[in-house]
Amino acid sequence: MVQAVMDKQFEQAAGRESILSVRDLTVGFGDNIVLDKLNLDVLRGEILGFVGASGTGKSVLMRTVLRLLPKRSGTIKILGAEYDKVSEEERIALDMRLGVLFQHGALFSALTVRENIQVPMREYLDLPQELMDELARLKIELVGLAPEAAEKYPSELSGGMIKRAALARALALDPDLVFLDEPTSGLDPIGAAEFDELIAKLRDTLGLTVYMVTHDLDSLFSVCDRIAVLGQKRVLVEGTIEDMLACDEPWVKSYFRGKRARAIVREHG
């Protein structure tokens, strides 16, 4: 069953552009191999939910793709370019097309929301302050924050506001591909649902591709076009939520057809 689902997804992906392509990726620390010959595709315009048990290596994969961790072997292509073989100039151009929202926001505590959003602009662009201020204002509005949030510090923000401010920073350079690490963790159910709606709206209006690491079943059911499940150091299965519900792999079955999941299935009809 698992292989059949994988084969089905490769057939469906044929002809669609893979904005992120990972092949035979192996990552380890000392004698511990965390990812072993892992393969994954993220297709342009989709929201991919990436899920797996705690400690399986979800964040390791994301950080390896972003070159924050070294790989032992394998290839990673972003927008058709092999990330670790391009020139420095090409790497910078690629980096500008990526946005990242880390799990706890990772905002700089000594900077205001406006200044946090402007960090990527200062790093990659040479813009006058007035223009950066206007761009930051637009990003703040885009993620649904009030204009007065611009001059607040992270310590003055609620958890939901921190997530939105961090998302605004991730969108600062108008990226093609956005990485979200547990974007709804720590949010109440209403706040999490609103954030999911925001992600879906931004994908549709900006043409984003979204790679979302999450444990949130509501997010997986409501906004993800496809889901990839990490286990046994590789992607066990990938497909739609319907594929997950039909899968007979034990962890996938337990996660997507357990008591809590059944309640969410009923809620989503």
Protein backbone atom coordinates (compact mmCIF):
# COMPACT_ATOMS: atom_id res chain seq x y z
CA MET A 1 0.00 0.00 0.00
CA VAL A 2 2.73 2.50 0.97
CA GLN A 3 4.67 1.90 -2.26
CA ALA A 4 1.47 2.18 -4.28
CA VAL A 5 0.76 5.59 -2.79
CA MET A 6 4.34 6.72 -3.47
CA ASP A 7 4.09 5.53 -7.09
CA LYS A 8 0.79 7.38 -7.48
CA GLN A 9 2.33 10.61 -6.23
CA PHE A 10 5.33 10.37 -8.56
CA GLU A 11 2.87 9.93 -11.45
CA GLN A 12 0.85 12.95 -10.35
CA ALA A 13 4.03 15.03 -9.96
CA ALA A 14 5.14 14.27 -13.50
CA GLY A 15 4.89 17.40 -15.59
CA ARG A 16 4.67 19.70 -12.54
CA GLU A 17 7.66 21.82 -11.60
CA SER A 18 9.50 20.69 -8.51
CA ILE A 19 10.63 23.88 -6.76
CA LEU A 20 12.55 21.80 -4.18
CA SER A 21 14.01 18.42 -5.07
CA VAL A 22 15.92 16.28 -2.55
CA ARG A 23 17.58 13.07 -3.74
CA ASP A 24 19.39 10.37 -1.74
CA LEU A 25 20.07 12.79 1.12
CA THR A 26 22.06 11.41 4.05
CA VAL A 27 22.66 13.47 7.19
CA GLY A 28 24.31 12.34 10.41
CA PHE A 29 26.07 13.44 13.55
CA GLY A 30 29.02 11.26 14.49
CA ASP A 31 27.87 7.65 14.32
CA ASN A 32 24.18 8.63 14.35
CA ILE A 33 22.55 8.68 10.92
CA VAL A 34 19.43 10.87 11.10
CA LEU A 35 18.39 10.84 7.43
CA ASP A 36 19.38 8.02 5.09
CA LYS A 37 19.00 8.34 1.30
CA LEU A 38 15.89 10.50 1.70
CA ASN A 39 13.92 11.68 -1.37
CA LEU A 40 11.39 14.51 -1.44
CA ASP A 41 9.77 16.87 -3.93
CA VAL A 42 7.91 20.09 -3.20
CA LEU A 43 5.85 21.23 -6.17
CA ARG A 44 5.42 24.85 -7.19
CA GLY A 45 2.33 26.49 -5.70
CA GLU A 46 1.50 23.80 -3.17
CA ILE A 47 1.38 23.77 0.60
CA LEU A 48 3.26 20.66 1.66
CA GLY A 49 2.77 19.51 5.24
CA PHE A 50 5.80 17.67 6.60
CA VAL A 51 5.04 15.46 9.59
CA GLY A 52 6.66 12.74 11.67
CA ALA A 53 7.19 11.56 15.22
CA SER A 54 9.30 13.74 17.50
CA GLY A 55 13.00 13.16 16.98
CA THR A 56 12.71 11.72 13.49
CA GLY A 57 14.62 14.59 11.89
CA LYS A 58 12.02 17.01 10.50
CA SER A 59 13.90 20.12 11.59
CA VAL A 60 17.22 18.49 10.63
CA LEU A 61 15.95 18.11 7.07
CA MET A 62 14.75 21.70 6.88
CA ARG A 63 18.00 23.05 8.28
CA THR A 64 20.02 20.87 5.90
CA VAL A 65 18.04 22.15 2.93
CA LEU A 66 18.78 25.70 4.11
CA ARG A 67 22.50 24.83 4.46
CA LEU A 68 22.43 25.43 8.21
CA LEU A 69 23.56 21.82 8.69
CA PRO A 70 25.99 19.82 6.52
CA LYS A 71 24.95 16.77 4.52
CA ARG A 72 27.02 13.65 4.03
CA SER A 73 25.74 12.82 0.57
CA GLY A 74 22.88 13.42 -1.84
CA THR A 75 21.68 16.39 -3.84
CA ILE A 76 19.41 19.33 -3.01
CA LYS A 77 18.03 21.39 -5.88
CA ILE A 78 16.13 24.62 -5.30
CA LEU A 79 14.46 26.27 -8.29
CA GLY A 80 16.42 23.90 -10.51
CA ALA A 81 19.85 24.78 -9.12
CA GLU A 82 21.98 22.43 -7.04
CA TYR A 83 22.32 24.60 -3.95
CA ASP A 84 25.82 23.66 -2.84
CA LYS A 85 27.37 23.79 -6.31
CA VAL A 86 26.33 27.26 -7.43
CA SER A 87 28.59 30.29 -7.33
CA GLU A 88 28.47 32.69 -4.40
CA GLU A 89 26.55 35.20 -6.50
CA GLU A 90 24.01 32.55 -7.53
CA ARG A 91 23.68 31.34 -3.94
CA ILE A 92 22.83 34.85 -2.76
CA ALA A 93 20.25 35.15 -5.53
CA LEU A 94 18.72 31.83 -4.43
CA ASP A 95 18.72 32.83 -0.76
CA MET A 96 16.74 35.92 -1.65
CA ARG A 97 14.00 33.70 -3.07
CA LEU A 98 13.60 31.77 0.19
CA GLY A 99 11.75 32.84 3.35
CA VAL A 100 11.93 31.12 6.74
CA LEU A 101 9.70 31.26 9.80
CA PHE A 102 11.39 29.42 12.69
CA GLN A 103 9.36 27.65 15.35
CA HIS A 104 9.39 30.36 18.02
CA GLY A 105 9.62 33.27 15.61
CA ALA A 106 13.31 33.96 16.32
CA LEU A 107 12.74 37.70 16.29
CA PHE A 108 15.63 39.88 17.46
CA SER A 109 14.54 41.06 20.90
CA ALA A 110 16.41 44.39 20.68
CA LEU A 111 14.73 45.33 17.38
CA THR A 112 11.19 46.55 16.74
CA VAL A 113 8.88 44.64 14.43
CA ARG A 114 9.69 47.12 11.65
CA GLU A 115 13.42 46.69 12.20
CA ASN A 116 13.10 42.89 12.31
CA ILE A 117 11.32 42.89 8.95
CA GLN A 118 14.06 45.09 7.51
CA VAL A 119 16.89 42.72 8.50
CA PRO A 120 16.77 40.73 5.20
CA MET A 121 16.48 43.98 3.27
CA ARG A 122 19.63 45.34 4.90
CA GLU A 123 21.48 42.07 4.34
CA TYR A 124 20.68 41.64 0.66
CA LEU A 125 19.56 45.00 -0.72
CA ASP A 126 20.79 48.58 -0.79
CA LEU A 127 17.63 50.61 -0.25
CA PRO A 128 16.97 54.02 1.27
CA GLN A 129 15.46 53.97 4.76
CA GLU A 130 12.23 55.58 3.61
CA LEU A 131 11.62 52.81 1.08
CA MET A 132 12.42 50.08 3.63
CA ASP A 133 9.97 51.68 6.05
CA GLU A 134 7.25 51.62 3.40
CA LEU A 135 8.00 48.01 2.48
CA ALA A 136 7.89 46.98 6.15
CA ARG A 137 4.54 48.74 6.52
CA LEU A 138 3.17 46.78 3.56
CA LYS A 139 4.40 43.45 4.99
CA ILE A 140 2.86 44.27 8.38
CA GLU A 141 -0.47 44.94 6.69
CA LEU A 142 -0.11 41.81 4.56
CA VAL A 143 0.08 39.50 7.60
CA GLY A 144 -2.82 41.16 9.39
CA LEU A 145 -1.00 43.15 12.05
CA ALA A 146 -2.13 46.61 13.08
CA PRO A 147 0.06 49.51 11.84
CA GLU A 148 1.07 50.40 15.41
CA ALA A 149 2.73 46.98 15.78
CA ALA A 150 5.61 48.32 13.68
CA GLU A 151 7.27 50.07 16.61
CA LYS A 152 6.64 47.38 19.22
CA TYR A 153 9.36 45.08 20.50
CA PRO A 154 8.90 41.27 20.57
CA SER A 155 8.44 41.37 24.36
CA GLU A 156 5.35 43.52 23.82
CA LEU A 157 3.69 41.07 21.43
CA SER A 158 1.34 38.14 21.99
CA GLY A 159 2.28 34.71 20.68
CA GLY A 160 0.07 35.15 17.64
CA MET A 161 1.52 38.57 16.89
CA ILE A 162 5.06 37.17 17.13
CA LYS A 163 4.18 34.51 14.54
CA ARG A 164 2.73 37.13 12.20
CA ALA A 165 5.70 39.46 12.65
CA ALA A 166 8.08 36.58 11.93
CA LEU A 167 6.04 35.70 8.84
CA ALA A 168 6.25 39.32 7.69
CA ARG A 169 10.04 39.09 7.98
CA ALA A 170 10.02 35.80 6.04
CA LEU A 171 8.11 37.59 3.26
CA ALA A 172 10.37 40.67 3.28
CA LEU A 173 12.08 39.84 -0.03
CA ASP A 174 8.99 38.45 -1.81
CA PRO A 175 10.24 34.83 -1.81
CA ASP A 176 9.09 31.98 -4.05
CA LEU A 177 9.44 29.28 -1.37
CA VAL A 178 8.63 29.74 2.32
CA PHE A 179 9.68 27.33 5.07
CA LEU A 180 7.44 27.26 8.16
CA ASP A 181 8.64 25.36 11.24
CA GLU A 182 5.67 24.51 13.50
CA PRO A 183 3.89 27.78 12.64
CA THR A 184 0.83 27.15 14.85
CA SER A 185 2.64 25.73 17.91
CA GLY A 186 1.80 27.65 21.06
CA LEU A 187 -1.31 29.23 19.55
CA ASP A 188 -4.83 28.67 20.83
CA PRO A 189 -7.21 26.86 18.41
CA ILE A 190 -8.76 30.09 17.13
CA GLY A 191 -5.37 31.73 16.59
CA ALA A 192 -4.05 28.60 14.89
CA ALA A 193 -7.04 28.44 12.53
CA GLU A 194 -6.62 32.12 11.66
CA PHE A 195 -2.93 31.57 10.94
CA ASP A 196 -3.75 28.61 8.69
CA GLU A 197 -6.22 30.79 6.79
CA LEU A 198 -3.57 33.48 6.44
CA ILE A 199 -1.06 31.01 4.98
CA ALA A 200 -3.61 29.72 2.45
CA LYS A 201 -4.58 33.28 1.47
CA LEU A 202 -0.95 34.32 0.99
CA ARG A 203 -0.25 31.24 -1.09
CA ASP A 204 -3.18 32.05 -3.35
CA THR A 205 -2.54 35.80 -3.66
CA LEU A 206 1.27 35.78 -3.84
CA GLY A 207 1.78 32.48 -5.63
CA LEU A 208 3.92 31.10 -2.81
CA THR A 209 5.10 27.55 -2.38
CA VAL A 210 4.97 26.52 1.29
CA TYR A 211 6.97 23.82 3.09
CA MET A 212 5.32 23.46 6.49
CA VAL A 213 6.74 21.32 9.29
CA THR A 214 3.82 20.72 11.63
CA HIS A 215 2.20 18.42 14.18
CA ASP A 216 -1.13 20.23 13.87
CA LEU A 217 -3.75 17.86 12.48
CA ASP A 218 -6.11 20.75 11.79
CA SER A 219 -3.45 22.36 9.56
CA LEU A 220 -2.83 19.08 7.74
CA PHE A 221 -6.54 18.57 7.11
CA SER A 222 -7.49 22.15 6.27
CA VAL A 223 -4.70 23.82 4.27
CA CYS A 224 -2.14 21.25 3.05
CA ASP A 225 -2.39 20.10 -0.55
CA ARG A 226 -0.04 17.20 0.10
CA ILE A 227 1.59 15.63 3.14
CA ALA A 228 4.96 13.91 3.50
CA VAL A 229 5.58 11.62 6.46
CA LEU A 230 9.10 11.19 7.84
CA GLY A 231 10.03 7.94 9.56
CA GLN A 232 12.77 5.32 9.55
CA LYS A 233 15.20 8.04 8.33
CA ARG A 234 13.33 8.64 5.07
CA VAL A 235 10.02 9.79 3.64
CA LEU A 236 7.69 6.86 4.33
CA VAL A 237 4.78 8.12 2.27
CA GLU A 238 3.60 11.29 0.61
CA GLY A 239 0.22 12.23 -0.81
CA THR A 240 -3.09 13.92 -0.12
CA ILE A 241 -4.97 13.68 3.16
CA GLU A 242 -7.10 11.00 1.50
CA ASP A 243 -3.93 9.02 0.79
CA MET A 244 -2.91 9.35 4.44
CA LEU A 245 -6.28 8.07 5.61
CA ALA A 246 -6.00 5.08 3.29
CA CYS A 247 -2.39 4.26 4.17
CA ASP A 248 -1.73 1.09 6.18
CA GLU A 249 1.74 2.05 7.48
CA PRO A 250 1.38 1.69 11.30
CA TRP A 251 2.53 5.17 12.38
CA VAL A 252 0.59 6.89 9.60
CA LYS A 253 -2.51 4.87 10.44
CA SER A 254 -2.23 5.71 14.13
CA TYR A 255 -1.62 9.41 13.49
CA PHE A 256 -4.26 10.06 10.86
CA ARG A 257 -6.91 7.59 11.98
CA GLY A 258 -6.57 7.79 15.78
CA LYS A 259 -9.27 9.15 18.09
CA ARG A 260 -8.19 12.78 17.80
CA ALA A 261 -7.88 12.55 14.03
CA ARG A 262 -11.33 10.98 13.71
CA ALA A 263 -12.85 13.97 15.49
CA ILE A 264 -11.12 16.32 13.06
CA VAL A 265 -12.27 14.20 10.09
CA ARG A 266 -15.87 14.63 11.28
CA GLU A 267 -15.32 18.36 11.76
CA HIS A 268 -13.98 18.81 8.24
CA GLY A 269 -16.71 16.65 6.80
